[in-house]
Amino acid sequence: MPNDSIFNIKVTGSIFSCQSVKITCLGLQHKTDPCSLPKYAVFQPEEAQDAEAGTNFYANEKNQVPVTPSLVNLAQHESINFCAALVR
């Protein structure tokens, strides 16, 4: 694993009701902005809209503790200069 890795762990309900630990990917929250463009966020919505097998939401529904390996810094450093040039 890269040195800047972290784990996203979400326990819902009682820790005592959890049956196992599952390595998962993050489920996405699907929202629509005022222009009707889809938005995707990497945070926990109150109601899971992407609870497919393998996601953290699915694991929670199965009384599992989802553990998702992630990176501390999600910025795409190689794109910063390119994007900065666009807004000048």
C-alpha atoms as a PDB file:
ATOM      1  CA  MET A   1       0.000   0.000   0.000  1.00  0.00           C
ATOM      2  CA  PRO A   2       1.180   3.558  -0.629  1.00  0.00           C
ATOM      3  CA  ASN A   3       2.524   5.421   2.413  1.00  0.00           C
ATOM      4  CA  ASP A   4      -0.273   8.003   2.213  1.00  0.00           C
ATOM      5  CA  SER A   5      -3.037   5.393   2.541  1.00  0.00           C
ATOM      6  CA  ILE A   6      -5.848   5.571   5.074  1.00  0.00           C
ATOM      7  CA  PHE A   7      -8.833   3.347   5.801  1.00  0.00           C
ATOM      8  CA  ASN A   8     -12.421   4.557   5.634  1.00  0.00           C
ATOM      9  CA  ILE A   9     -14.324   2.508   8.226  1.00  0.00           C
ATOM     10  CA  LYS A  10     -18.053   2.953   8.809  1.00  0.00           C
ATOM     11  CA  VAL A  11     -19.832   1.193  11.625  1.00  0.00           C
ATOM     12  CA  THR A  12     -23.592   1.625  11.682  1.00  0.00           C
ATOM     13  CA  GLY A  13     -25.724   0.614  14.607  1.00  0.00           C
ATOM     14  CA  SER A  14     -24.068  -1.364  17.358  1.00  0.00           C
ATOM     15  CA  ILE A  15     -20.534  -2.676  16.926  1.00  0.00           C
ATOM     16  CA  PHE A  16     -21.802  -5.818  18.625  1.00  0.00           C
ATOM     17  CA  SER A  17     -24.259  -6.522  15.790  1.00  0.00           C
ATOM     18  CA  CYS A  18     -21.488  -6.594  13.175  1.00  0.00           C
ATOM     19  CA  GLN A  19     -20.811 -10.093  11.899  1.00  0.00           C
ATOM     20  CA  SER A  20     -17.573  -9.563   9.981  1.00  0.00           C
ATOM     21  CA  VAL A  21     -15.209  -7.109   8.316  1.00  0.00           C
ATOM     22  CA  LYS A  22     -15.392  -6.611   4.528  1.00  0.00           C
ATOM     23  CA  ILE A  23     -12.926  -4.797   2.245  1.00  0.00           C
ATOM     24  CA  THR A  24     -15.065  -2.582   0.010  1.00  0.00           C
ATOM     25  CA  CYS A  25     -15.093   0.321  -2.405  1.00  0.00           C
ATOM     26  CA  LEU A  26     -16.945   3.520  -1.546  1.00  0.00           C
ATOM     27  CA  GLY A  27     -20.524   3.721  -2.722  1.00  0.00           C
ATOM     28  CA  LEU A  28     -21.478   6.920  -4.501  1.00  0.00           C
ATOM     29  CA  GLN A  29     -24.210   9.374  -3.663  1.00  0.00           C
ATOM     30  CA  HIS A  30     -26.117  10.355  -6.783  1.00  0.00           C
ATOM     31  CA  LYS A  31     -27.480  13.869  -6.729  1.00  0.00           C
ATOM     32  CA  THR A  32     -28.624  16.310  -9.397  1.00  0.00           C
ATOM     33  CA  ASP A  33     -27.612  19.967  -9.430  1.00  0.00           C
ATOM     34  CA  PRO A  34     -29.920  22.820 -10.579  1.00  0.00           C
ATOM     35  CA  CYS A  35     -28.693  22.331 -14.169  1.00  0.00           C
ATOM     36  CA  SER A  36     -29.776  18.670 -13.984  1.00  0.00           C
ATOM     37  CA  LEU A  37     -26.213  17.420 -14.244  1.00  0.00           C
ATOM     38  CA  PRO A  38     -25.414  14.319 -12.172  1.00  0.00           C
ATOM     39  CA  LYS A  39     -23.056  14.790  -9.228  1.00  0.00           C
ATOM     40  CA  TYR A  40     -21.101  12.124  -7.441  1.00  0.00           C
ATOM     41  CA  ALA A  41     -19.662  12.544  -3.968  1.00  0.00           C
ATOM     42  CA  VAL A  42     -17.266  10.444  -1.941  1.00  0.00           C
ATOM     43  CA  PHE A  43     -18.957  10.777   1.436  1.00  0.00           C
ATOM     44  CA  GLN A  44     -21.632   8.949   3.331  1.00  0.00           C
ATOM     45  CA  PRO A  45     -25.171   9.981   2.386  1.00  0.00           C
ATOM     46  CA  GLU A  46     -27.930   9.381   4.882  1.00  0.00           C
ATOM     47  CA  GLU A  47     -29.634   6.982   2.463  1.00  0.00           C
ATOM     48  CA  ALA A  48     -27.497   4.701   0.313  1.00  0.00           C
ATOM     49  CA  GLN A  49     -28.257   5.014  -3.372  1.00  0.00           C
ATOM     50  CA  ASP A  50     -25.366   2.828  -4.546  1.00  0.00           C
ATOM     51  CA  ALA A  51     -25.652  -0.293  -2.426  1.00  0.00           C
ATOM     52  CA  GLU A  52     -24.316  -2.738  -4.994  1.00  0.00           C
ATOM     53  CA  ALA A  53     -22.304  -5.765  -3.879  1.00  0.00           C
ATOM     54  CA  GLY A  54     -18.771  -4.710  -3.006  1.00  0.00           C
ATOM     55  CA  THR A  55     -19.667  -1.223  -1.763  1.00  0.00           C
ATOM     56  CA  ASN A  56     -19.523   0.022   1.806  1.00  0.00           C
ATOM     57  CA  PHE A  57     -23.315   0.483   1.815  1.00  0.00           C
ATOM     58  CA  TYR A  58     -23.908  -3.138   0.826  1.00  0.00           C
ATOM     59  CA  ALA A  59     -21.576  -4.338   3.571  1.00  0.00           C
ATOM     60  CA  ASN A  60     -23.473  -2.243   6.150  1.00  0.00           C
ATOM     61  CA  GLU A  61     -26.763  -3.755   4.994  1.00  0.00           C
ATOM     62  CA  LYS A  62     -25.261  -7.220   5.601  1.00  0.00           C
ATOM     63  CA  ASN A  63     -24.115  -6.292   9.155  1.00  0.00           C
ATOM     64  CA  GLN A  64     -20.488  -6.150   8.053  1.00  0.00           C
ATOM     65  CA  VAL A  65     -17.963  -3.434   8.884  1.00  0.00           C
ATOM     66  CA  PRO A  66     -16.808  -1.962   5.553  1.00  0.00           C
ATOM     67  CA  VAL A  67     -13.111  -1.082   5.369  1.00  0.00           C
ATOM     68  CA  THR A  68     -12.185   0.918   2.259  1.00  0.00           C
ATOM     69  CA  PRO A  69      -8.520   1.622   1.492  1.00  0.00           C
ATOM     70  CA  SER A  70      -8.163   5.223   0.360  1.00  0.00           C
ATOM     71  CA  LEU A  71      -5.553   7.920  -0.117  1.00  0.00           C
ATOM     72  CA  VAL A  72      -5.024  10.829   2.259  1.00  0.00           C
ATOM     73  CA  ASN A  73      -4.664  13.335  -0.583  1.00  0.00           C
ATOM     74  CA  LEU A  74      -7.123  12.807  -3.424  1.00  0.00           C
ATOM     75  CA  ALA A  75      -5.799  15.772  -5.445  1.00  0.00           C
ATOM     76  CA  GLN A  76      -4.528  15.019  -8.933  1.00  0.00           C
ATOM     77  CA  HIS A  77      -1.220  16.842  -8.551  1.00  0.00           C
ATOM     78  CA  GLU A  78      -0.206  16.212 -12.151  1.00  0.00           C
ATOM     79  CA  SER A  79      -3.271  18.228 -13.309  1.00  0.00           C
ATOM     80  CA  ILE A  80      -2.934  21.273 -11.035  1.00  0.00           C
ATOM     81  CA  ASN A  81      -0.752  23.358 -13.371  1.00  0.00           C
ATOM     82  CA  PHE A  82      -2.899  22.497 -16.398  1.00  0.00           C
ATOM     83  CA  CYS A  83      -6.100  23.513 -14.582  1.00  0.00           C
ATOM     84  CA  ALA A  84      -4.507  26.681 -13.195  1.00  0.00           C
ATOM     85  CA  ALA A  85      -3.637  27.726 -16.755  1.00  0.00           C
ATOM     86  CA  LEU A  86      -7.279  27.306 -17.784  1.00  0.00           C
ATOM     87  CA  VAL A  87      -8.535  29.852 -15.252  1.00  0.00           C
ATOM     88  CA  ARG A  88      -5.948  32.523 -15.977  1.00  0.00           C
END
